[in-house]
PDB file of N, CA and C in Angstrom:
ATOM      1  N   MET A   1       0.867  -1.179   0.032  1.00  0.00           N
ATOM      2  CA  MET A   1       0.006  -0.041   0.009  1.00  0.00           C
ATOM      3  C   MET A   1       0.899   1.219  -0.005  1.00  0.00           C
ATOM      4  N   PRO A   2       0.613   2.169  -0.884  1.00  0.00           N
ATOM      5  CA  PRO A   2       1.474   3.391  -1.022  1.00  0.00           C
ATOM      6  C   PRO A   2       1.248   4.297   0.249  1.00  0.00           C
ATOM      7  N   PHE A   3       2.244   5.117   0.525  1.00  0.00           N
ATOM      8  CA  PHE A   3       2.189   5.956   1.604  1.00  0.00           C
ATOM      9  C   PHE A   3       1.773   7.433   1.255  1.00  0.00           C
ATOM     10  N   PRO A   4       0.877   8.002   2.069  1.00  0.00           N
ATOM     11  CA  PRO A   4       0.528   9.387   1.876  1.00  0.00           C
ATOM     12  C   PRO A   4       1.595  10.334   2.407  1.00  0.00           C
ATOM     13  N   LEU A   5       1.674  11.600   1.822  1.00  0.00           N
ATOM     14  CA  LEU A   5       2.692  12.495   2.124  1.00  0.00           C
ATOM     15  C   LEU A   5       2.173  13.815   2.806  1.00  0.00           C
ATOM     16  N   LEU A   6       3.006  14.384   3.604  1.00  0.00           N
ATOM     17  CA  LEU A   6       2.839  15.789   4.127  1.00  0.00           C
ATOM     18  C   LEU A   6       4.079  16.471   3.779  1.00  0.00           C
ATOM     19  N   PHE A   7       3.922  17.606   3.099  1.00  0.00           N
ATOM     20  CA  PHE A   7       5.045  18.587   2.856  1.00  0.00           C
ATOM     21  C   PHE A   7       5.100  19.607   3.937  1.00  0.00           C
ATOM     22  N   ASP A   8       6.189  19.671   4.666  1.00  0.00           N
ATOM     23  CA  ASP A   8       6.286  20.715   5.746  1.00  0.00           C
ATOM     24  C   ASP A   8       6.325  22.118   5.037  1.00  0.00           C
ATOM     25  N   GLU A   9       6.329  23.101   5.858  1.00  0.00           N
ATOM     26  CA  GLU A   9       6.223  24.494   5.406  1.00  0.00           C
ATOM     27  C   GLU A   9       7.377  24.832   4.373  1.00  0.00           C
ATOM     28  N   ASP A  10       8.560  24.382   4.702  1.00  0.00           N
ATOM     29  CA  ASP A  10       9.724  24.677   3.903  1.00  0.00           C
ATOM     30  C   ASP A  10       9.620  23.982   2.562  1.00  0.00           C
ATOM     31  N   ALA A  11       9.078  22.723   2.617  1.00  0.00           N
ATOM     32  CA  ALA A  11       9.032  21.921   1.382  1.00  0.00           C
ATOM     33  C   ALA A  11       7.805  22.153   0.495  1.00  0.00           C
ATOM     34  N   SER A  12       6.852  22.894   0.961  1.00  0.00           N
ATOM     35  CA  SER A  12       5.554  23.080   0.346  1.00  0.00           C
ATOM     36  C   SER A  12       5.773  23.784  -1.043  1.00  0.00           C
ATOM     37  N   ARG A  13       5.648  22.982  -1.997  1.00  0.00           N
ATOM     38  CA  ARG A  13       5.709  23.489  -3.450  1.00  0.00           C
ATOM     39  C   ARG A  13       4.456  23.050  -4.115  1.00  0.00           C
ATOM     40  N   HIS A  14       3.603  23.988  -4.450  1.00  0.00           N
ATOM     41  CA  HIS A  14       2.285  23.751  -5.096  1.00  0.00           C
ATOM     42  C   HIS A  14       2.441  22.956  -6.398  1.00  0.00           C
ATOM     43  N   ALA A  15       3.420  23.298  -7.215  1.00  0.00           N
ATOM     44  CA  ALA A  15       3.559  22.608  -8.481  1.00  0.00           C
ATOM     45  C   ALA A  15       3.941  21.162  -8.226  1.00  0.00           C
ATOM     46  N   VAL A  16       4.762  20.851  -7.277  1.00  0.00           N
ATOM     47  CA  VAL A  16       5.132  19.425  -7.002  1.00  0.00           C
ATOM     48  C   VAL A  16       3.910  18.701  -6.452  1.00  0.00           C
ATOM     49  N   ALA A  17       3.212  19.272  -5.554  1.00  0.00           N
ATOM     50  CA  ALA A  17       1.968  18.705  -5.048  1.00  0.00           C
ATOM     51  C   ALA A  17       0.963  18.402  -6.163  1.00  0.00           C
ATOM     52  N   ARG A  18       0.768  19.339  -7.067  1.00  0.00           N
ATOM     53  CA  ARG A  18      -0.150  19.165  -8.195  1.00  0.00           C
ATOM     54  C   ARG A  18       0.270  17.964  -9.074  1.00  0.00           C
ATOM     55  N   ALA A  19       1.537  17.960  -9.362  1.00  0.00           N
ATOM     56  CA  ALA A  19       2.082  16.801 -10.183  1.00  0.00           C
ATOM     57  C   ALA A  19       1.857  15.489  -9.541  1.00  0.00           C
ATOM     58  N   LEU A  20       2.190  15.433  -8.241  1.00  0.00           N
ATOM     59  CA  LEU A  20       1.963  14.164  -7.564  1.00  0.00           C
ATOM     60  C   LEU A  20       0.543  13.726  -7.397  1.00  0.00           C
ATOM     61  N   ARG A  21      -0.328  14.691  -7.185  1.00  0.00           N
ATOM     62  CA  ARG A  21      -1.750  14.463  -7.107  1.00  0.00           C
ATOM     63  C   ARG A  21      -2.293  13.986  -8.533  1.00  0.00           C
ATOM     64  N   GLN A  22      -1.725  14.483  -9.577  1.00  0.00           N
ATOM     65  CA  GLN A  22      -2.133  13.978 -10.877  1.00  0.00           C
ATOM     66  C   GLN A  22      -1.634  12.513 -11.087  1.00  0.00           C
ATOM     67  N   ALA A  23      -0.566  12.168 -10.466  1.00  0.00           N
ATOM     68  CA  ALA A  23      -0.105  10.782 -10.494  1.00  0.00           C
ATOM     69  C   ALA A  23      -0.770   9.907  -9.408  1.00  0.00           C
ATOM     70  N   SER A  24      -1.815  10.450  -8.769  1.00  0.00           N
ATOM     71  CA  SER A  24      -2.611   9.666  -7.743  1.00  0.00           C
ATOM     72  C   SER A  24      -1.944   9.446  -6.438  1.00  0.00           C
ATOM     73  N   VAL A  25      -0.929  10.369  -6.095  1.00  0.00           N
ATOM     74  CA  VAL A  25      -0.376  10.336  -4.770  1.00  0.00           C
ATOM     75  C   VAL A  25      -1.122  11.218  -3.891  1.00  0.00           C
ATOM     76  N   ASP A  26      -1.393  10.676  -2.710  1.00  0.00           N
ATOM     77  CA  ASP A  26      -2.064  11.395  -1.641  1.00  0.00           C
ATOM     78  C   ASP A  26      -1.078  12.373  -0.967  1.00  0.00           C
ATOM     79  N   VAL A  27      -1.254  13.658  -1.164  1.00  0.00           N
ATOM     80  CA  VAL A  27      -0.248  14.640  -0.637  1.00  0.00           C
ATOM     81  C   VAL A  27      -0.981  15.854  -0.155  1.00  0.00           C
ATOM     82  N   VAL A  28      -0.603  16.353   0.977  1.00  0.00           N
ATOM     83  CA  VAL A  28      -1.088  17.572   1.560  1.00  0.00           C
ATOM     84  C   VAL A  28       0.051  18.479   1.993  1.00  0.00           C
ATOM     85  N   LEU A  29      -0.182  19.821   1.894  1.00  0.00           N
ATOM     86  CA  LEU A  29       0.785  20.794   2.230  1.00  0.00           C
ATOM     87  C   LEU A  29       0.583  21.249   3.641  1.00  0.00           C
ATOM     88  N   ALA A  30       1.558  21.719   4.326  1.00  0.00           N
ATOM     89  CA  ALA A  30       1.461  22.228   5.752  1.00  0.00           C
ATOM     90  C   ALA A  30       0.280  23.302   5.806  1.00  0.00           C
ATOM     91  N   MET A  31       0.294  24.138   4.908  1.00  0.00           N
ATOM     92  CA  MET A  31      -0.612  25.245   4.921  1.00  0.00           C
ATOM     93  C   MET A  31      -2.135  24.793   4.768  1.00  0.00           C
ATOM     94  N   GLU A  32      -2.303  23.614   4.117  1.00  0.00           N
ATOM     95  CA  GLU A  32      -3.654  23.042   3.967  1.00  0.00           C
ATOM     96  C   GLU A  32      -4.176  22.453   5.220  1.00  0.00           C
ATOM     97  N   VAL A  33      -3.321  22.124   6.190  1.00  0.00           N
ATOM     98  CA  VAL A  33      -3.798  21.434   7.403  1.00  0.00           C
ATOM     99  C   VAL A  33      -3.459  22.270   8.619  1.00  0.00           C
ATOM    100  N   GLY A  34      -3.199  23.575   8.445  1.00  0.00           N
ATOM    101  CA  GLY A  34      -3.002  24.509   9.584  1.00  0.00           C
ATOM    102  C   GLY A  34      -1.710  24.344  10.344  1.00  0.00           C
ATOM    103  N   LEU A  35      -0.602  23.987   9.584  1.00  0.00           N
ATOM    104  CA  LEU A  35       0.647  23.738  10.194  1.00  0.00           C
ATOM    105  C   LEU A  35       1.722  24.885   9.943  1.00  0.00           C
ATOM    106  N   LEU A  36       1.247  26.055   9.400  1.00  0.00           N
ATOM    107  CA  LEU A  36       2.224  27.113   9.175  1.00  0.00           C
ATOM    108  C   LEU A  36       2.695  27.665  10.520  1.00  0.00           C
ATOM    109  N   GLY A  37       3.892  27.819  10.679  1.00  0.00           N
ATOM    110  CA  GLY A  37       4.512  28.340  11.926  1.00  0.00           C
ATOM    111  C   GLY A  37       4.591  27.396  13.065  1.00  0.00           C
ATOM    112  N   VAL A  38       4.265  26.157  12.788  1.00  0.00           N
ATOM    113  CA  VAL A  38       4.267  25.139  13.841  1.00  0.00           C
ATOM    114  C   VAL A  38       5.734  24.486  13.952  1.00  0.00           C
ATOM    115  N   GLY A  39       6.146  24.201  15.141  1.00  0.00           N
ATOM    116  CA  GLY A  39       7.472  23.584  15.286  1.00  0.00           C
ATOM    117  C   GLY A  39       7.694  22.195  14.686  1.00  0.00           C
ATOM    118  N   ASP A  40       8.888  21.826  14.544  1.00  0.00           N
ATOM    119  CA  ASP A  40       9.267  20.572  13.907  1.00  0.00           C
ATOM    120  C   ASP A  40       8.634  19.353  14.622  1.00  0.00           C
ATOM    121  N   GLU A  41       8.747  19.304  15.913  1.00  0.00           N
ATOM    122  CA  GLU A  41       8.180  18.253  16.668  1.00  0.00           C
ATOM    123  C   GLU A  41       6.705  18.089  16.441  1.00  0.00           C
ATOM    124  N   ALA A  42       5.862  19.138  16.414  1.00  0.00           N
ATOM    125  CA  ALA A  42       4.499  19.171  16.197  1.00  0.00           C
ATOM    126  C   ALA A  42       4.208  18.715  14.726  1.00  0.00           C
ATOM    127  N   GLN A  43       5.026  19.128  13.783  1.00  0.00           N
ATOM    128  CA  GLN A  43       4.776  18.735  12.447  1.00  0.00           C
ATOM    129  C   GLN A  43       4.925  17.198  12.252  1.00  0.00           C
ATOM    130  N   LEU A  44       6.002  16.714  12.839  1.00  0.00           N
ATOM    131  CA  LEU A  44       6.214  15.166  12.804  1.00  0.00           C
ATOM    132  C   LEU A  44       5.168  14.525  13.527  1.00  0.00           C
ATOM    133  N   ALA A  45       4.727  15.015  14.609  1.00  0.00           N
ATOM    134  CA  ALA A  45       3.534  14.350  15.365  1.00  0.00           C
ATOM    135  C   ALA A  45       2.350  14.406  14.596  1.00  0.00           C
ATOM    136  N   HIS A  46       2.076  15.469  13.887  1.00  0.00           N
ATOM    137  CA  HIS A  46       0.901  15.496  13.033  1.00  0.00           C
ATOM    138  C   HIS A  46       0.919  14.581  11.884  1.00  0.00           C
ATOM    139  N   ALA A  47       2.114  14.451  11.276  1.00  0.00           N
ATOM    140  CA  ALA A  47       2.339  13.507  10.193  1.00  0.00           C
ATOM    141  C   ALA A  47       2.084  12.071  10.690  1.00  0.00           C
ATOM    142  N   ALA A  48       2.730  11.792  11.830  1.00  0.00           N
ATOM    143  CA  ALA A  48       2.691  10.479  12.408  1.00  0.00           C
ATOM    144  C   ALA A  48       1.216  10.074  12.766  1.00  0.00           C
ATOM    145  N   ALA A  49       0.469  11.046  13.305  1.00  0.00           N
ATOM    146  CA  ALA A  49      -0.901  10.753  13.665  1.00  0.00           C
ATOM    147  C   ALA A  49      -1.800  10.483  12.475  1.00  0.00           C
ATOM    148  N   GLY A  50      -1.417  11.118  11.342  1.00  0.00           N
ATOM    149  CA  GLY A  50      -2.228  10.920  10.076  1.00  0.00           C
ATOM    150  C   GLY A  50      -1.608   9.859   9.232  1.00  0.00           C
ATOM    151  N   GLY A  51      -0.564   9.199   9.628  1.00  0.00           N
ATOM    152  CA  GLY A  51       0.035   8.123   8.845  1.00  0.00           C
ATOM    153  C   GLY A  51       0.666   8.607   7.583  1.00  0.00           C
ATOM    154  N   ARG A  52       1.164   9.895   7.655  1.00  0.00           N
ATOM    155  CA  ARG A  52       1.830  10.477   6.438  1.00  0.00           C
ATOM    156  C   ARG A  52       3.330  10.631   6.576  1.00  0.00           C
ATOM    157  N   ALA A  53       4.060  10.208   5.575  1.00  0.00           N
ATOM    158  CA  ALA A  53       5.485  10.481   5.531  1.00  0.00           C
ATOM    159  C   ALA A  53       5.662  11.959   5.369  1.00  0.00           C
ATOM    160  N   LEU A  54       6.629  12.491   6.040  1.00  0.00           N
ATOM    161  CA  LEU A  54       6.879  14.003   5.989  1.00  0.00           C
ATOM    162  C   LEU A  54       8.097  14.299   5.135  1.00  0.00           C
ATOM    163  N   LEU A  55       7.935  15.199   4.192  1.00  0.00           N
ATOM    164  CA  LEU A  55       8.925  15.713   3.324  1.00  0.00           C
ATOM    165  C   LEU A  55       9.383  17.026   3.895  1.00  0.00           C
ATOM    166  N   THR A  56      10.644  17.228   4.094  1.00  0.00           N
ATOM    167  CA  THR A  56      11.227  18.462   4.527  1.00  0.00           C
ATOM    168  C   THR A  56      12.578  18.755   4.009  1.00  0.00           C
ATOM    169  N   PHE A  57      12.962  20.072   3.900  1.00  0.00           N
ATOM    170  CA  PHE A  57      14.266  20.485   3.491  1.00  0.00           C
ATOM    171  C   PHE A  57      15.094  20.792   4.673  1.00  0.00           C
ATOM    172  N   ASN A  58      14.536  20.660   5.940  1.00  0.00           N
ATOM    173  CA  ASN A  58      15.112  20.911   7.174  1.00  0.00           C
ATOM    174  C   ASN A  58      15.880  19.668   7.648  1.00  0.00           C
ATOM    175  N   VAL A  59      16.989  19.384   6.911  1.00  0.00           N
ATOM    176  CA  VAL A  59      17.645  18.050   7.113  1.00  0.00           C
ATOM    177  C   VAL A  59      18.206  17.843   8.513  1.00  0.00           C
ATOM    178  N   GLU A  60      19.021  18.836   9.032  1.00  0.00           N
ATOM    179  CA  GLU A  60      19.701  18.613  10.261  1.00  0.00           C
ATOM    180  C   GLU A  60      18.653  18.488  11.454  1.00  0.00           C
ATOM    181  N   ASP A  61      17.691  19.337  11.499  1.00  0.00           N
ATOM    182  CA  ASP A  61      16.708  19.305  12.633  1.00  0.00           C
ATOM    183  C   ASP A  61      15.891  18.031  12.599  1.00  0.00           C
ATOM    184  N   PHE A  62      15.417  17.607  11.432  1.00  0.00           N
ATOM    185  CA  PHE A  62      14.611  16.499  11.379  1.00  0.00           C
ATOM    186  C   PHE A  62      15.368  15.184  11.503  1.00  0.00           C
ATOM    187  N   ALA A  63      16.615  15.106  11.078  1.00  0.00           N
ATOM    188  CA  ALA A  63      17.456  13.953  11.302  1.00  0.00           C
ATOM    189  C   ALA A  63      17.638  13.812  12.837  1.00  0.00           C
ATOM    190  N   ARG A  64      17.886  14.820  13.508  1.00  0.00           N
ATOM    191  CA  ARG A  64      18.049  14.757  14.955  1.00  0.00           C
ATOM    192  C   ARG A  64      16.768  14.394  15.670  1.00  0.00           C
ATOM    193  N   LEU A  65      15.619  14.930  15.211  1.00  0.00           N
ATOM    194  CA  LEU A  65      14.318  14.553  15.699  1.00  0.00           C
ATOM    195  C   LEU A  65      14.024  13.128  15.466  1.00  0.00           C
ATOM    196  N   HIS A  66      14.333  12.628  14.239  1.00  0.00           N
ATOM    197  CA  HIS A  66      14.129  11.177  13.974  1.00  0.00           C
ATOM    198  C   HIS A  66      14.975  10.304  14.957  1.00  0.00           C
ATOM    199  N   ALA A  67      16.196  10.691  15.211  1.00  0.00           N
ATOM    200  CA  ALA A  67      17.036   9.966  16.084  1.00  0.00           C
ATOM    201  C   ALA A  67      16.458   9.887  17.522  1.00  0.00           C
ATOM    202  N   GLY A  68      15.943  11.097  17.939  1.00  0.00           N
ATOM    203  CA  GLY A  68      15.335  11.226  19.262  1.00  0.00           C
ATOM    204  C   GLY A  68      14.097  10.334  19.366  1.00  0.00           C
ATOM    205  N   TRP A  69      13.220  10.387  18.371  1.00  0.00           N
ATOM    206  CA  TRP A  69      12.037   9.550  18.364  1.00  0.00           C
ATOM    207  C   TRP A  69      12.421   8.107  18.463  1.00  0.00           C
ATOM    208  N   ALA A  70      13.434   7.698  17.661  1.00  0.00           N
ATOM    209  CA  ALA A  70      13.833   6.318  17.647  1.00  0.00           C
ATOM    210  C   ALA A  70      14.304   5.794  19.010  1.00  0.00           C
ATOM    211  N   THR A  71      15.060   6.662  19.673  1.00  0.00           N
ATOM    212  CA  THR A  71      15.612   6.393  21.060  1.00  0.00           C
ATOM    213  C   THR A  71      14.454   6.219  21.995  1.00  0.00           C
ATOM    214  N   GLN A  72      13.420   7.006  21.812  1.00  0.00           N
ATOM    215  CA  GLN A  72      12.208   6.976  22.707  1.00  0.00           C
ATOM    216  C   GLN A  72      11.216   5.931  22.314  1.00  0.00           C
ATOM    217  N   GLY A  73      11.470   5.215  21.184  1.00  0.00           N
ATOM    218  CA  GLY A  73      10.557   4.188  20.809  1.00  0.00           C
ATOM    219  C   GLY A  73       9.255   4.746  20.194  1.00  0.00           C
ATOM    220  N   ARG A  74       9.324   6.023  19.707  1.00  0.00           N
ATOM    221  CA  ARG A  74       8.192   6.669  19.130  1.00  0.00           C
ATOM    222  C   ARG A  74       8.185   6.507  17.593  1.00  0.00           C
ATOM    223  N   PRO A  75       7.166   5.817  17.025  1.00  0.00           N
ATOM    224  CA  PRO A  75       7.167   5.573  15.630  1.00  0.00           C
ATOM    225  C   PRO A  75       6.608   6.768  14.901  1.00  0.00           C
ATOM    226  N   HIS A  76       6.935   6.857  13.656  1.00  0.00           N
ATOM    227  CA  HIS A  76       6.365   7.898  12.735  1.00  0.00           C
ATOM    228  C   HIS A  76       6.082   7.231  11.475  1.00  0.00           C
ATOM    229  N   ALA A  77       5.501   7.903  10.507  1.00  0.00           N
ATOM    230  CA  ALA A  77       5.111   7.258   9.194  1.00  0.00           C
ATOM    231  C   ALA A  77       6.255   7.449   8.129  1.00  0.00           C
ATOM    232  N   GLY A  78       7.357   7.914   8.494  1.00  0.00           N
ATOM    233  CA  GLY A  78       8.474   8.077   7.541  1.00  0.00           C
ATOM    234  C   GLY A  78       8.864   9.514   7.431  1.00  0.00           C
ATOM    235  N   LEU A  79      10.189   9.731   7.230  1.00  0.00           N
ATOM    236  CA  LEU A  79      10.784  11.105   6.973  1.00  0.00           C
ATOM    237  C   LEU A  79      11.545  11.050   5.674  1.00  0.00           C
ATOM    238  N   ILE A  80      11.239  12.018   4.825  1.00  0.00           N
ATOM    239  CA  ILE A  80      11.972  12.217   3.561  1.00  0.00           C
ATOM    240  C   ILE A  80      12.664  13.529   3.656  1.00  0.00           C
ATOM    241  N   LEU A  81      14.078  13.470   3.682  1.00  0.00           N
ATOM    242  CA  LEU A  81      14.836  14.675   3.808  1.00  0.00           C
ATOM    243  C   LEU A  81      15.461  15.018   2.441  1.00  0.00           C
ATOM    244  N   ALA A  82      15.367  16.273   2.144  1.00  0.00           N
ATOM    245  CA  ALA A  82      15.959  16.786   0.873  1.00  0.00           C
ATOM    246  C   ALA A  82      16.797  17.982   1.275  1.00  0.00           C
ATOM    247  N   THR A  83      17.978  18.069   0.657  1.00  0.00           N
ATOM    248  CA  THR A  83      18.860  19.238   1.050  1.00  0.00           C
ATOM    249  C   THR A  83      18.229  20.535   0.482  1.00  0.00           C
ATOM    250  N   GLN A  84      18.648  21.599   0.959  1.00  0.00           N
ATOM    251  CA  GLN A  84      18.074  22.911   0.592  1.00  0.00           C
ATOM    252  C   GLN A  84      18.512  23.333  -0.749  1.00  0.00           C
ATOM    253  N   GLN A  85      19.256  22.502  -1.480  1.00  0.00           N
ATOM    254  CA  GLN A  85      19.629  22.919  -2.867  1.00  0.00           C
ATOM    255  C   GLN A  85      18.407  23.160  -3.706  1.00  0.00           C
ATOM    256  N   ARG A  86      18.637  23.923  -4.801  1.00  0.00           N
ATOM    257  CA  ARG A  86      17.486  24.296  -5.568  1.00  0.00           C
ATOM    258  C   ARG A  86      17.122  23.067  -6.475  1.00  0.00           C
ATOM    259  N   TRP A  87      16.103  22.381  -6.036  1.00  0.00           N
ATOM    260  CA  TRP A  87      15.557  21.243  -6.825  1.00  0.00           C
ATOM    261  C   TRP A  87      14.563  21.805  -7.908  1.00  0.00           C
ATOM    262  N   ARG A  88      14.647  21.321  -9.072  1.00  0.00           N
ATOM    263  CA  ARG A  88      13.730  21.620 -10.082  1.00  0.00           C
ATOM    264  C   ARG A  88      12.482  20.767  -9.782  1.00  0.00           C
ATOM    265  N   VAL A  89      11.333  21.347 -10.178  1.00  0.00           N
ATOM    266  CA  VAL A  89      10.031  20.642  -9.945  1.00  0.00           C
ATOM    267  C   VAL A  89      10.093  19.225 -10.504  1.00  0.00           C
ATOM    268  N   GLY A  90      10.452  19.122 -11.725  1.00  0.00           N
ATOM    269  CA  GLY A  90      10.490  17.786 -12.366  1.00  0.00           C
ATOM    270  C   GLY A  90      11.336  16.803 -11.640  1.00  0.00           C
ATOM    271  N   GLU A  91      12.496  17.219 -11.158  1.00  0.00           N
ATOM    272  CA  GLU A  91      13.381  16.395 -10.441  1.00  0.00           C
ATOM    273  C   GLU A  91      12.796  15.943  -9.111  1.00  0.00           C
ATOM    274  N   LEU A  92      12.220  16.882  -8.366  1.00  0.00           N
ATOM    275  CA  LEU A  92      11.495  16.557  -7.111  1.00  0.00           C
ATOM    276  C   LEU A  92      10.464  15.478  -7.376  1.00  0.00           C
ATOM    277  N   VAL A  93       9.666  15.760  -8.377  1.00  0.00           N
ATOM    278  CA  VAL A  93       8.474  14.850  -8.733  1.00  0.00           C
ATOM    279  C   VAL A  93       9.087  13.458  -9.054  1.00  0.00           C
ATOM    280  N   ARG A  94      10.024  13.393  -9.981  1.00  0.00           N
ATOM    281  CA  ARG A  94      10.586  12.132 -10.411  1.00  0.00           C
ATOM    282  C   ARG A  94      11.098  11.353  -9.173  1.00  0.00           C
ATOM    283  N   ARG A  95      11.971  11.963  -8.327  1.00  0.00           N
ATOM    284  CA  ARG A  95      12.492  11.263  -7.158  1.00  0.00           C
ATOM    285  C   ARG A  95      11.411  10.792  -6.181  1.00  0.00           C
ATOM    286  N   LEU A  96      10.429  11.666  -5.906  1.00  0.00           N
ATOM    287  CA  LEU A  96       9.373  11.374  -5.065  1.00  0.00           C
ATOM    288  C   LEU A  96       8.514  10.121  -5.586  1.00  0.00           C
ATOM    289  N   LEU A  97       8.234  10.208  -6.893  1.00  0.00           N
ATOM    290  CA  LEU A  97       7.442   9.092  -7.493  1.00  0.00           C
ATOM    291  C   LEU A  97       8.275   7.773  -7.471  1.00  0.00           C
ATOM    292  N   HIS A  98       9.552   7.899  -7.610  1.00  0.00           N
ATOM    293  CA  HIS A  98      10.366   6.631  -7.597  1.00  0.00           C
ATOM    294  C   HIS A  98      10.274   6.034  -6.139  1.00  0.00           C
ATOM    295  N   LEU A  99      10.525   6.888  -5.132  1.00  0.00           N
ATOM    296  CA  LEU A  99      10.437   6.428  -3.758  1.00  0.00           C
ATOM    297  C   LEU A  99       9.072   5.901  -3.423  1.00  0.00           C
ATOM    298  N   HIS A 100       8.059   6.554  -3.926  1.00  0.00           N
ATOM    299  CA  HIS A 100       6.649   6.164  -3.672  1.00  0.00           C
ATOM    300  C   HIS A 100       6.309   4.794  -4.308  1.00  0.00           C
ATOM    301  N   ALA A 101       6.947   4.550  -5.449  1.00  0.00           N
ATOM    302  CA  ALA A 101       6.679   3.289  -6.200  1.00  0.00           C
ATOM    303  C   ALA A 101       7.434   2.125  -5.462  1.00  0.00           C
ATOM    304  N   VAL A 102       8.517   2.433  -4.881  1.00  0.00           N
ATOM    305  CA  VAL A 102       9.391   1.309  -4.305  1.00  0.00           C
ATOM    306  C   VAL A 102       9.041   0.989  -2.844  1.00  0.00           C
ATOM    307  N   ARG A 103       8.735   1.999  -2.083  1.00  0.00           N
ATOM    308  CA  ARG A 103       8.443   1.829  -0.648  1.00  0.00           C
ATOM    309  C   ARG A 103       6.985   1.796  -0.334  1.00  0.00           C
ATOM    310  N   SER A 104       6.548   0.864   0.469  1.00  0.00           N
ATOM    311  CA  SER A 104       5.094   0.842   0.891  1.00  0.00           C
ATOM    312  C   SER A 104       5.041   1.683   2.166  1.00  0.00           C
ATOM    313  N   ALA A 105       3.752   1.859   2.648  1.00  0.00           N
ATOM    314  CA  ALA A 105       3.596   2.605   3.921  1.00  0.00           C
ATOM    315  C   ALA A 105       4.171   1.795   5.062  1.00  0.00           C
ATOM    316  N   ALA A 106       4.086   0.476   5.030  1.00  0.00           N
ATOM    317  CA  ALA A 106       4.761  -0.355   6.093  1.00  0.00           C
ATOM    318  C   ALA A 106       6.173  -0.226   6.090  1.00  0.00           C
ATOM    319  N   GLU A 107       6.821  -0.132   4.932  1.00  0.00           N
ATOM    320  CA  GLU A 107       8.288   0.011   4.790  1.00  0.00           C
ATOM    321  C   GLU A 107       8.767   1.433   5.208  1.00  0.00           C
ATOM    322  N   MET A 108       7.890   2.381   5.100  1.00  0.00           N
ATOM    323  CA  MET A 108       8.318   3.730   5.418  1.00  0.00           C
ATOM    324  C   MET A 108       8.155   3.961   6.927  1.00  0.00           C
ATOM    325  N   ARG A 109       7.501   3.168   7.631  1.00  0.00           N
ATOM    326  CA  ARG A 109       7.226   3.338   9.004  1.00  0.00           C
ATOM    327  C   ARG A 109       8.555   3.491   9.798  1.00  0.00           C
ATOM    328  N   SER A 110       8.663   4.681  10.424  1.00  0.00           N
ATOM    329  CA  SER A 110       9.873   5.032  11.228  1.00  0.00           C
ATOM    330  C   SER A 110      11.206   5.093  10.428  1.00  0.00           C
ATOM    331  N   ARG A 111      11.091   5.159   9.168  1.00  0.00           N
ATOM    332  CA  ARG A 111      12.180   5.096   8.181  1.00  0.00           C
ATOM    333  C   ARG A 111      12.622   6.550   7.916  1.00  0.00           C
ATOM    334  N   LEU A 112      13.915   6.753   7.747  1.00  0.00           N
ATOM    335  CA  LEU A 112      14.462   8.014   7.305  1.00  0.00           C
ATOM    336  C   LEU A 112      15.039   7.802   5.871  1.00  0.00           C
ATOM    337  N   GLU A 113      14.644   8.624   4.935  1.00  0.00           N
ATOM    338  CA  GLU A 113      15.067   8.497   3.520  1.00  0.00           C
ATOM    339  C   GLU A 113      15.631   9.801   3.095  1.00  0.00           C
ATOM    340  N   TYR A 114      16.735   9.767   2.351  1.00  0.00           N
ATOM    341  CA  TYR A 114      17.263  10.992   1.816  1.00  0.00           C
ATOM    342  C   TYR A 114      16.869  10.978   0.316  1.00  0.00           C
ATOM    343  N   LEU A 115      16.181  12.076  -0.086  1.00  0.00           N
ATOM    344  CA  LEU A 115      15.678  12.161  -1.447  1.00  0.00           C
ATOM    345  C   LEU A 115      16.839  12.081  -2.456  1.00  0.00           C
ATOM    346  N   SER A 116      17.973  12.549  -2.153  1.00  0.00           N
ATOM    347  CA  SER A 116      19.117  12.469  -3.042  1.00  0.00           C
ATOM    348  C   SER A 116      19.511  11.031  -3.505  1.00  0.00           C
ATOM    349  N   ASN A 117      19.111  10.045  -2.626  1.00  0.00           N
ATOM    350  CA  ASN A 117      19.368   8.655  -3.000  1.00  0.00           C
ATOM    351  C   ASN A 117      18.415   8.033  -3.962  1.00  0.00           C
ATOM    352  N   TRP A 118      17.418   8.852  -4.329  1.00  0.00           N
ATOM    353  CA  TRP A 118      16.310   8.341  -5.286  1.00  0.00           C
ATOM    354  C   TRP A 118      16.461   8.980  -6.565  1.00  0.00           C
TER     355      TRP A 118
END
C-alpha cells in the first residue's frame, strides 16, 4: 500500500503537489492542514498521527528529531529529507514518484530516507 505525504512548510511546493496528485499520490501541504509556523516536533507528530510520511528540506533538525524519536521508541510514518539545494520541480517529482513506487507505507514506518538517494 502506498504511503501518503505531508510537505512541511519549507518543502511546500504547489507545483510538486499538483504533479504528484495527478499521479494519484495522496499529498497535503502544511498550509492546507493548519501547520504554518508550527514547530518541527508538532509537524512530525501531526504527520505520524495521520500516517503520512513527512517531506522536509530541514535536514539537520529532522534527522536529529528522527534519532530522538527512535531512542524513545516513538514511531512515525516516515521522513523524507531533501537538501536545501535548488531542486527543479520535475526532479523533485521524479524522485518522489520513484520512492513512492518502491516503498510501501509499512516499509516507510519510522524510516528516514534522503531524497538524493532516489
